[in-house]
Structure formats: C-alpha cells, structure tokens
PDB file of all heavy atoms in Angstrom:
ATOM      1  N   GLY A   1      -6.828  -2.835   9.425  1.00  0.00           N
ATOM      2  CA  GLY A   1      -6.349  -3.468  10.654  1.00  0.00           C
ATOM      3  C   GLY A   1      -4.913  -3.930  10.557  1.00  0.00           C
ATOM      4  O   GLY A   1      -4.380  -4.489  11.519  1.00  0.00           O
ATOM      5  N   GLN A   2      -4.219  -3.661   9.453  1.00  0.00           N
ATOM      6  CA  GLN A   2      -2.831  -4.091   9.294  1.00  0.00           C
ATOM      7  C   GLN A   2      -1.864  -2.917   9.371  1.00  0.00           C
ATOM      8  O   GLN A   2      -0.747  -2.989   8.938  1.00  0.00           O
ATOM      9  CB  GLN A   2      -2.636  -4.858   7.978  1.00  0.00           C
ATOM     10  CG  GLN A   2      -3.381  -6.205   7.938  1.00  0.00           C
ATOM     11  CD  GLN A   2      -3.178  -6.940   6.628  1.00  0.00           C
ATOM     12  OE1 GLN A   2      -3.112  -6.336   5.582  1.00  0.00           O
ATOM     13  NE2 GLN A   2      -3.097  -8.262   6.739  1.00  0.00           N
ATOM     14  N   GLN A   3      -2.339  -1.802   9.947  1.00  0.00           N
ATOM     15  CA  GLN A   3      -1.523  -0.594  10.000  1.00  0.00           C
ATOM     16  C   GLN A   3      -0.207  -0.795  10.760  1.00  0.00           C
ATOM     17  O   GLN A   3       0.759  -0.077  10.475  1.00  0.00           O
ATOM     18  CB  GLN A   3      -2.305   0.557  10.633  1.00  0.00           C
ATOM     19  CG  GLN A   3      -3.443   1.081   9.811  1.00  0.00           C
ATOM     20  CD  GLN A   3      -4.735   0.432  10.180  1.00  0.00           C
ATOM     21  OE1 GLN A   3      -4.757  -0.762  10.555  1.00  0.00           O
ATOM     22  NE2 GLN A   3      -5.840   1.133  10.064  1.00  0.00           N
ATOM     23  N   GLU A   4      -0.185  -1.755  11.684  1.00  0.00           N
ATOM     24  CA  GLU A   4       1.031  -1.914  12.479  1.00  0.00           C
ATOM     25  C   GLU A   4       2.220  -2.354  11.606  1.00  0.00           C
ATOM     26  O   GLU A   4       3.382  -2.246  12.000  1.00  0.00           O
ATOM     27  CB  GLU A   4       0.819  -2.979  13.599  1.00  0.00           C
ATOM     28  CG  GLU A   4       0.564  -4.414  13.082  1.00  0.00           C
ATOM     29  CD  GLU A   4      -0.897  -4.681  12.866  1.00  0.00           C
ATOM     30  OE1 GLU A   4      -1.675  -3.759  12.696  1.00  0.00           O
ATOM     31  OE2 GLU A   4      -1.248  -5.872  12.814  1.00  0.00           O
ATOM     32  N   TYR A   5       1.935  -2.828  10.401  1.00  0.00           N
ATOM     33  CA  TYR A   5       3.026  -3.271   9.501  1.00  0.00           C
ATOM     34  C   TYR A   5       3.600  -2.116   8.671  1.00  0.00           C
ATOM     35  O   TYR A   5       4.644  -2.300   8.060  1.00  0.00           O
ATOM     36  CB  TYR A   5       2.513  -4.369   8.557  1.00  0.00           C
ATOM     37  CG  TYR A   5       2.012  -5.595   9.242  1.00  0.00           C
ATOM     38  CD1 TYR A   5       0.671  -5.992   9.166  1.00  0.00           C
ATOM     39  CD2 TYR A   5       2.863  -6.431   9.976  1.00  0.00           C
ATOM     40  CE1 TYR A   5       0.204  -7.103   9.780  1.00  0.00           C
ATOM     41  CE2 TYR A   5       2.445  -7.552  10.610  1.00  0.00           C
ATOM     42  CZ  TYR A   5       1.064  -7.895  10.521  1.00  0.00           C
ATOM     43  OH  TYR A   5       0.606  -9.014  11.142  1.00  0.00           O
ATOM     44  N   TYR A   6       2.917  -0.999   8.617  1.00  0.00           N
ATOM     45  CA  TYR A   6       3.318   0.058   7.699  1.00  0.00           C
ATOM     46  C   TYR A   6       4.674   0.640   7.998  1.00  0.00           C
ATOM     47  O   TYR A   6       5.469   0.920   7.121  1.00  0.00           O
ATOM     48  CB  TYR A   6       2.265   1.184   7.640  1.00  0.00           C
ATOM     49  CG  TYR A   6       0.925   0.734   7.115  1.00  0.00           C
ATOM     50  CD1 TYR A   6      -0.213   1.521   7.318  1.00  0.00           C
ATOM     51  CD2 TYR A   6       0.790  -0.479   6.469  1.00  0.00           C
ATOM     52  CE1 TYR A   6      -1.476   1.112   6.852  1.00  0.00           C
ATOM     53  CE2 TYR A   6      -0.465  -0.872   5.985  1.00  0.00           C
ATOM     54  CZ  TYR A   6      -1.587  -0.089   6.203  1.00  0.00           C
ATOM     55  OH  TYR A   6      -2.813  -0.483   5.735  1.00  0.00           O
ATOM     56  N   PHE A   7       4.965   0.832   9.291  1.00  0.00           N
ATOM     57  CA  PHE A   7       6.297   1.362   9.696  1.00  0.00           C
ATOM     58  C   PHE A   7       7.397   0.493   9.111  1.00  0.00           C
ATOM     59  O   PHE A   7       8.323   1.009   8.488  1.00  0.00           O
ATOM     60  CB  PHE A   7       6.422   1.433  11.199  1.00  0.00           C
ATOM     61  CG  PHE A   7       5.652   2.545  11.865  1.00  0.00           C
ATOM     62  CD1 PHE A   7       4.752   2.232  12.857  1.00  0.00           C
ATOM     63  CD2 PHE A   7       5.854   3.840  11.510  1.00  0.00           C
ATOM     64  CE1 PHE A   7       4.033   3.249  13.470  1.00  0.00           C
ATOM     65  CE2 PHE A   7       5.154   4.882  12.100  1.00  0.00           C
ATOM     66  CZ  PHE A   7       4.243   4.559  13.111  1.00  0.00           C
ATOM     67  N   LYS A   8       7.263  -0.801   9.330  1.00  0.00           N
ATOM     68  CA  LYS A   8       8.331  -1.724   8.880  1.00  0.00           C
ATOM     69  C   LYS A   8       8.416  -1.701   7.370  1.00  0.00           C
ATOM     70  O   LYS A   8       9.558  -1.710   6.827  1.00  0.00           O
ATOM     71  CB  LYS A   8       8.011  -3.131   9.405  1.00  0.00           C
ATOM     72  CG  LYS A   8       9.103  -4.151   9.052  1.00  0.00           C
ATOM     73  CD  LYS A   8      10.421  -3.804   9.677  1.00  0.00           C
ATOM     74  CE  LYS A   8      11.475  -4.860   9.407  1.00  0.00           C
ATOM     75  NZ  LYS A   8      12.793  -4.464   9.989  1.00  0.00           N
ATOM     76  N   MET A   9       7.321  -1.752   6.672  1.00  0.00           N
ATOM     77  CA  MET A   9       7.362  -1.753   5.192  1.00  0.00           C
ATOM     78  C   MET A   9       7.977  -0.502   4.628  1.00  0.00           C
ATOM     79  O   MET A   9       8.711  -0.534   3.635  1.00  0.00           O
ATOM     80  CB  MET A   9       5.928  -1.997   4.638  1.00  0.00           C
ATOM     81  CG  MET A   9       5.300  -3.305   5.042  1.00  0.00           C
ATOM     82  SD  MET A   9       6.218  -4.755   4.470  1.00  0.00           S
ATOM     83  CE  MET A   9       5.377  -5.063   2.887  1.00  0.00           C
ATOM     84  N   VAL A  10       7.626   0.674   5.198  1.00  0.00           N
ATOM     85  CA  VAL A  10       8.225   1.926   4.761  1.00  0.00           C
ATOM     86  C   VAL A  10       9.735   1.902   4.983  1.00  0.00           C
ATOM     87  O   VAL A  10      10.513   2.306   4.144  1.00  0.00           O
ATOM     88  CB  VAL A  10       7.580   3.106   5.456  1.00  0.00           C
ATOM     89  CG1 VAL A  10       8.380   4.386   5.205  1.00  0.00           C
ATOM     90  CG2 VAL A  10       6.161   3.310   4.929  1.00  0.00           C
ATOM     91  N   GLU A  11      10.163   1.410   6.171  1.00  0.00           N
ATOM     92  CA  GLU A  11      11.565   1.375   6.472  1.00  0.00           C
ATOM     93  C   GLU A  11      12.344   0.475   5.516  1.00  0.00           C
ATOM     94  O   GLU A  11      13.491   0.688   5.165  1.00  0.00           O
ATOM     95  CB  GLU A  11      11.796   0.877   7.925  1.00  0.00           C
ATOM     96  CG  GLU A  11      11.365   1.906   8.950  1.00  0.00           C
ATOM     97  CD  GLU A  11      11.358   1.338  10.369  1.00  0.00           C
ATOM     98  OE1 GLU A  11      11.585   0.119  10.514  1.00  0.00           O
ATOM     99  OE2 GLU A  11      11.136   2.132  11.319  1.00  0.00           O
ATOM    100  N   LEU A  12      11.645  -0.601   5.046  1.00  0.00           N
ATOM    101  CA  LEU A  12      12.277  -1.517   4.099  1.00  0.00           C
ATOM    102  C   LEU A  12      12.455  -0.889   2.758  1.00  0.00           C
ATOM    103  O   LEU A  12      13.313  -1.283   1.962  1.00  0.00           O
ATOM    104  CB  LEU A  12      11.451  -2.788   3.952  1.00  0.00           C
ATOM    105  CG  LEU A  12      11.442  -3.756   5.178  1.00  0.00           C
ATOM    106  CD1 LEU A  12      10.473  -4.870   4.910  1.00  0.00           C
ATOM    107  CD2 LEU A  12      12.831  -4.332   5.400  1.00  0.00           C
ATOM    108  N   GLY A  13      11.620   0.069   2.395  1.00  0.00           N
ATOM    109  CA  GLY A  13      11.685   0.727   1.087  1.00  0.00           C
ATOM    110  C   GLY A  13      10.496   0.505   0.205  1.00  0.00           C
ATOM    111  O   GLY A  13      10.540   0.782  -1.008  1.00  0.00           O
ATOM    112  N   VAL A  14       9.404  -0.038   0.773  1.00  0.00           N
ATOM    113  CA  VAL A  14       8.152  -0.239  -0.022  1.00  0.00           C
ATOM    114  C   VAL A  14       7.632   1.123  -0.400  1.00  0.00           C
ATOM    115  O   VAL A  14       7.618   2.102   0.401  1.00  0.00           O
ATOM    116  CB  VAL A  14       7.124  -1.022   0.842  1.00  0.00           C
ATOM    117  CG1 VAL A  14       5.776  -1.031   0.149  1.00  0.00           C
ATOM    118  CG2 VAL A  14       7.607  -2.440   1.047  1.00  0.00           C
ATOM    119  N   LYS A  15       7.181   1.271  -1.625  1.00  0.00           N
ATOM    120  CA  LYS A  15       6.834   2.560  -2.185  1.00  0.00           C
ATOM    121  C   LYS A  15       5.320   2.884  -2.193  1.00  0.00           C
ATOM    122  O   LYS A  15       4.924   4.031  -2.306  1.00  0.00           O
ATOM    123  CB  LYS A  15       7.315   2.684  -3.631  1.00  0.00           C
ATOM    124  CG  LYS A  15       8.836   2.581  -3.755  1.00  0.00           C
ATOM    125  CD  LYS A  15       9.555   3.668  -3.005  1.00  0.00           C
ATOM    126  CE  LYS A  15      11.060   3.598  -3.220  1.00  0.00           C
ATOM    127  NZ  LYS A  15      11.783   4.618  -2.448  1.00  0.00           N
ATOM    128  N   GLY A  16       4.483   1.838  -2.106  1.00  0.00           N
ATOM    129  CA  GLY A  16       3.061   2.056  -2.236  1.00  0.00           C
ATOM    130  C   GLY A  16       2.270   1.168  -1.311  1.00  0.00           C
ATOM    131  O   GLY A  16       2.696   0.084  -0.951  1.00  0.00           O
ATOM    132  N   PHE A  17       1.035   1.644  -0.973  1.00  0.00           N
ATOM    133  CA  PHE A  17       0.162   0.879  -0.091  1.00  0.00           C
ATOM    134  C   PHE A  17      -1.257   0.981  -0.627  1.00  0.00           C
ATOM    135  O   PHE A  17      -1.793   2.089  -0.777  1.00  0.00           O
ATOM    136  CB  PHE A  17       0.228   1.458   1.334  1.00  0.00           C
ATOM    137  CG  PHE A  17       1.520   1.294   1.984  1.00  0.00           C
ATOM    138  CD1 PHE A  17       2.577   2.186   1.711  1.00  0.00           C
ATOM    139  CD2 PHE A  17       1.792   0.238   2.850  1.00  0.00           C
ATOM    140  CE1 PHE A  17       3.835   2.054   2.301  1.00  0.00           C
ATOM    141  CE2 PHE A  17       3.050   0.093   3.446  1.00  0.00           C
ATOM    142  CZ  PHE A  17       4.049   0.982   3.146  1.00  0.00           C
ATOM    143  N   LEU A  18      -1.852  -0.175  -0.932  1.00  0.00           N
ATOM    144  CA  LEU A  18      -3.189  -0.241  -1.472  1.00  0.00           C
ATOM    145  C   LEU A  18      -4.030  -1.178  -0.619  1.00  0.00           C
ATOM    146  O   LEU A  18      -3.572  -2.218  -0.155  1.00  0.00           O
ATOM    147  CB  LEU A  18      -3.163  -0.809  -2.888  1.00  0.00           C
ATOM    148  CG  LEU A  18      -2.865   0.112  -4.076  1.00  0.00           C
ATOM    149  CD1 LEU A  18      -2.745  -0.744  -5.334  1.00  0.00           C
ATOM    150  CD2 LEU A  18      -3.937   1.199  -4.238  1.00  0.00           C
ATOM    151  N   LEU A  19      -5.296  -0.780  -0.411  1.00  0.00           N
ATOM    152  CA  LEU A  19      -6.230  -1.715   0.203  1.00  0.00           C
ATOM    153  C   LEU A  19      -6.651  -2.704  -0.876  1.00  0.00           C
ATOM    154  O   LEU A  19      -6.769  -2.406  -2.068  1.00  0.00           O
ATOM    155  CB  LEU A  19      -7.482  -0.965   0.704  1.00  0.00           C
ATOM    156  CG  LEU A  19      -7.297  -0.198   2.001  1.00  0.00           C
ATOM    157  CD1 LEU A  19      -8.531   0.636   2.276  1.00  0.00           C
ATOM    158  CD2 LEU A  19      -7.016  -1.125   3.175  1.00  0.00           C
ATOM    159  N   LYS A  20      -6.914  -3.941  -0.453  1.00  0.00           N
ATOM    160  CA  LYS A  20      -7.233  -5.010  -1.390  1.00  0.00           C
ATOM    161  C   LYS A  20      -8.573  -4.826  -2.045  1.00  0.00           C
ATOM    162  O   LYS A  20      -8.898  -5.441  -3.054  1.00  0.00           O
ATOM    163  CB  LYS A  20      -7.126  -6.365  -0.715  1.00  0.00           C
ATOM    164  CG  LYS A  20      -5.705  -6.714  -0.296  1.00  0.00           C
ATOM    165  CD  LYS A  20      -5.587  -8.097   0.285  1.00  0.00           C
ATOM    166  CE  LYS A  20      -5.626  -9.149  -0.807  1.00  0.00           C
ATOM    167  NZ  LYS A  20      -5.339 -10.511  -0.309  1.00  0.00           N
ATOM    168  N   ASN A  21      -9.402  -3.905  -1.492  1.00  0.00           N
ATOM    169  CA  ASN A  21     -10.686  -3.633  -2.138  1.00  0.00           C
ATOM    170  C   ASN A  21     -10.657  -2.410  -3.048  1.00  0.00           C
ATOM    171  O   ASN A  21     -11.692  -1.866  -3.421  1.00  0.00           O
ATOM    172  CB  ASN A  21     -11.792  -3.499  -1.078  1.00  0.00           C
ATOM    173  CG  ASN A  21     -11.567  -2.298  -0.167  1.00  0.00           C
ATOM    174  OD1 ASN A  21     -10.534  -1.645  -0.245  1.00  0.00           O
ATOM    175  ND2 ASN A  21     -12.525  -2.026   0.675  1.00  0.00           N
ATOM    176  N   SER A  22      -9.473  -1.916  -3.354  1.00  0.00           N
ATOM    177  CA  SER A  22      -9.306  -0.733  -4.224  1.00  0.00           C
ATOM    178  C   SER A  22      -9.810  -1.066  -5.592  1.00  0.00           C
ATOM    179  O   SER A  22      -9.703  -2.214  -6.085  1.00  0.00           O
ATOM    180  CB  SER A  22      -7.799  -0.302  -4.306  1.00  0.00           C
ATOM    181  OG  SER A  22      -7.296   0.037  -3.030  1.00  0.00           O
ATOM    182  N   ASP A  23     -10.345  -0.046  -6.277  1.00  0.00           N
ATOM    183  CA  ASP A  23     -10.782  -0.290  -7.656  1.00  0.00           C
ATOM    184  C   ASP A  23      -9.564  -0.206  -8.600  1.00  0.00           C
ATOM    185  O   ASP A  23      -8.466   0.229  -8.240  1.00  0.00           O
ATOM    186  CB  ASP A  23     -11.897   0.666  -8.068  1.00  0.00           C
ATOM    187  CG  ASP A  23     -11.509   2.136  -8.044  1.00  0.00           C
ATOM    188  OD1 ASP A  23     -10.325   2.450  -8.312  1.00  0.00           O
ATOM    189  OD2 ASP A  23     -12.373   2.984  -7.714  1.00  0.00           O
ATOM    190  N   ILE A  24      -9.761  -0.573  -9.850  1.00  0.00           N
ATOM    191  CA  ILE A  24      -8.667  -0.680 -10.782  1.00  0.00           C
ATOM    192  C   ILE A  24      -8.086   0.705 -11.120  1.00  0.00           C
ATOM    193  O   ILE A  24      -6.904   0.842 -11.401  1.00  0.00           O
ATOM    194  CB  ILE A  24      -9.094  -1.397 -12.089  1.00  0.00           C
ATOM    195  CG1 ILE A  24      -7.881  -1.689 -12.969  1.00  0.00           C
ATOM    196  CG2 ILE A  24     -10.142  -0.584 -12.810  1.00  0.00           C
ATOM    197  CD1 ILE A  24      -6.792  -2.519 -12.293  1.00  0.00           C
ATOM    198  N   ILE A  25      -8.917   1.731 -11.054  1.00  0.00           N
ATOM    199  CA  ILE A  25      -8.397   3.079 -11.274  1.00  0.00           C
ATOM    200  C   ILE A  25      -7.373   3.461 -10.250  1.00  0.00           C
ATOM    201  O   ILE A  25      -6.276   4.014 -10.611  1.00  0.00           O
ATOM    202  CB  ILE A  25      -9.564   4.129 -11.264  1.00  0.00           C
ATOM    203  CG1 ILE A  25     -10.508   3.853 -12.405  1.00  0.00           C
ATOM    204  CG2 ILE A  25      -9.005   5.539 -11.316  1.00  0.00           C
ATOM    205  CD1 ILE A  25     -11.766   4.764 -12.416  1.00  0.00           C
ATOM    206  N   GLU A  26      -7.598   3.094  -9.014  1.00  0.00           N
ATOM    207  CA  GLU A  26      -6.626   3.396  -7.964  1.00  0.00           C
ATOM    208  C   GLU A  26      -5.372   2.518  -8.099  1.00  0.00           C
ATOM    209  O   GLU A  26      -4.251   2.978  -7.831  1.00  0.00           O
ATOM    210  CB  GLU A  26      -7.237   3.234  -6.560  1.00  0.00           C
ATOM    211  CG  GLU A  26      -6.302   3.702  -5.461  1.00  0.00           C
ATOM    212  CD  GLU A  26      -6.969   4.006  -4.147  1.00  0.00           C
ATOM    213  OE1 GLU A  26      -8.029   3.393  -3.859  1.00  0.00           O
ATOM    214  OE2 GLU A  26      -6.428   4.862  -3.401  1.00  0.00           O
ATOM    215  N   VAL A  27      -5.566   1.260  -8.547  1.00  0.00           N
ATOM    216  CA  VAL A  27      -4.413   0.411  -8.769  1.00  0.00           C
ATOM    217  C   VAL A  27      -3.487   1.019  -9.802  1.00  0.00           C
ATOM    218  O   VAL A  27      -2.289   1.105  -9.619  1.00  0.00           O
ATOM    219  CB  VAL A  27      -4.856  -1.005  -9.231  1.00  0.00           C
ATOM    220  CG1 VAL A  27      -3.650  -1.825  -9.647  1.00  0.00           C
ATOM    221  CG2 VAL A  27      -5.612  -1.706  -8.108  1.00  0.00           C
ATOM    222  N   PHE A  28      -4.074   1.550 -10.899  1.00  0.00           N
ATOM    223  CA  PHE A  28      -3.250   2.162 -11.935  1.00  0.00           C
ATOM    224  C   PHE A  28      -2.622   3.471 -11.408  1.00  0.00           C
ATOM    225  O   PHE A  28      -1.495   3.829 -11.758  1.00  0.00           O
ATOM    226  CB  PHE A  28      -4.063   2.436 -13.164  1.00  0.00           C
ATOM    227  CG  PHE A  28      -4.311   1.222 -14.018  1.00  0.00           C
ATOM    228  CD1 PHE A  28      -5.572   0.926 -14.514  1.00  0.00           C
ATOM    229  CD2 PHE A  28      -3.287   0.358 -14.329  1.00  0.00           C
ATOM    230  CE1 PHE A  28      -5.828  -0.174 -15.292  1.00  0.00           C
ATOM    231  CE2 PHE A  28      -3.501  -0.758 -15.097  1.00  0.00           C
ATOM    232  CZ  PHE A  28      -4.758  -1.042 -15.602  1.00  0.00           C
ATOM    233  N   SER A  29      -3.344   4.208 -10.563  1.00  0.00           N
ATOM    234  CA  SER A  29      -2.787   5.428  -9.977  1.00  0.00           C
ATOM    235  C   SER A  29      -1.554   5.094  -9.162  1.00  0.00           C
ATOM    236  O   SER A  29      -0.542   5.813  -9.187  1.00  0.00           O
ATOM    237  CB  SER A  29      -3.822   6.124  -9.108  1.00  0.00           C
ATOM    238  OG  SER A  29      -4.895   6.616  -9.863  1.00  0.00           O
ATOM    239  N   ALA A  30      -1.655   3.981  -8.400  1.00  0.00           N
ATOM    240  CA  ALA A  30      -0.518   3.568  -7.575  1.00  0.00           C
ATOM    241  C   ALA A  30       0.646   3.138  -8.437  1.00  0.00           C
ATOM    242  O   ALA A  30       1.831   3.555  -8.178  1.00  0.00           O
ATOM    243  CB  ALA A  30      -0.926   2.451  -6.623  1.00  0.00           C
ATOM    244  N   LEU A  31       0.380   2.329  -9.444  1.00  0.00           N
ATOM    245  CA  LEU A  31       1.463   1.887 -10.328  1.00  0.00           C
ATOM    246  C   LEU A  31       2.136   3.059 -11.025  1.00  0.00           C
ATOM    247  O   LEU A  31       3.349   3.135 -11.099  1.00  0.00           O
ATOM    248  CB  LEU A  31       0.879   0.908 -11.374  1.00  0.00           C
ATOM    249  CG  LEU A  31       0.472  -0.482 -10.908  1.00  0.00           C
ATOM    250  CD1 LEU A  31      -0.334  -1.166 -11.958  1.00  0.00           C
ATOM    251  CD2 LEU A  31       1.692  -1.305 -10.522  1.00  0.00           C
TER     252      LEU A  31
END
C-alpha cells in the first residue's frame, strides 16, 4: 500500500525496495 512513494524514492536515488515481511534470503539478495 506504499507504492505511491516508489516514484519519489527512485528519483532520489534509492537502489532497492524490500517488503518488511521479506525473509532473510531475500534481504541478502537485495544487499
């Protein structure tokens, strides 16, 4: 439900997006 923020974050230069319920394997994949 926070998709409306993605445009702004990408424009700022944020490199990754994770859901807070992601498992640790995906966290390491993102890192």
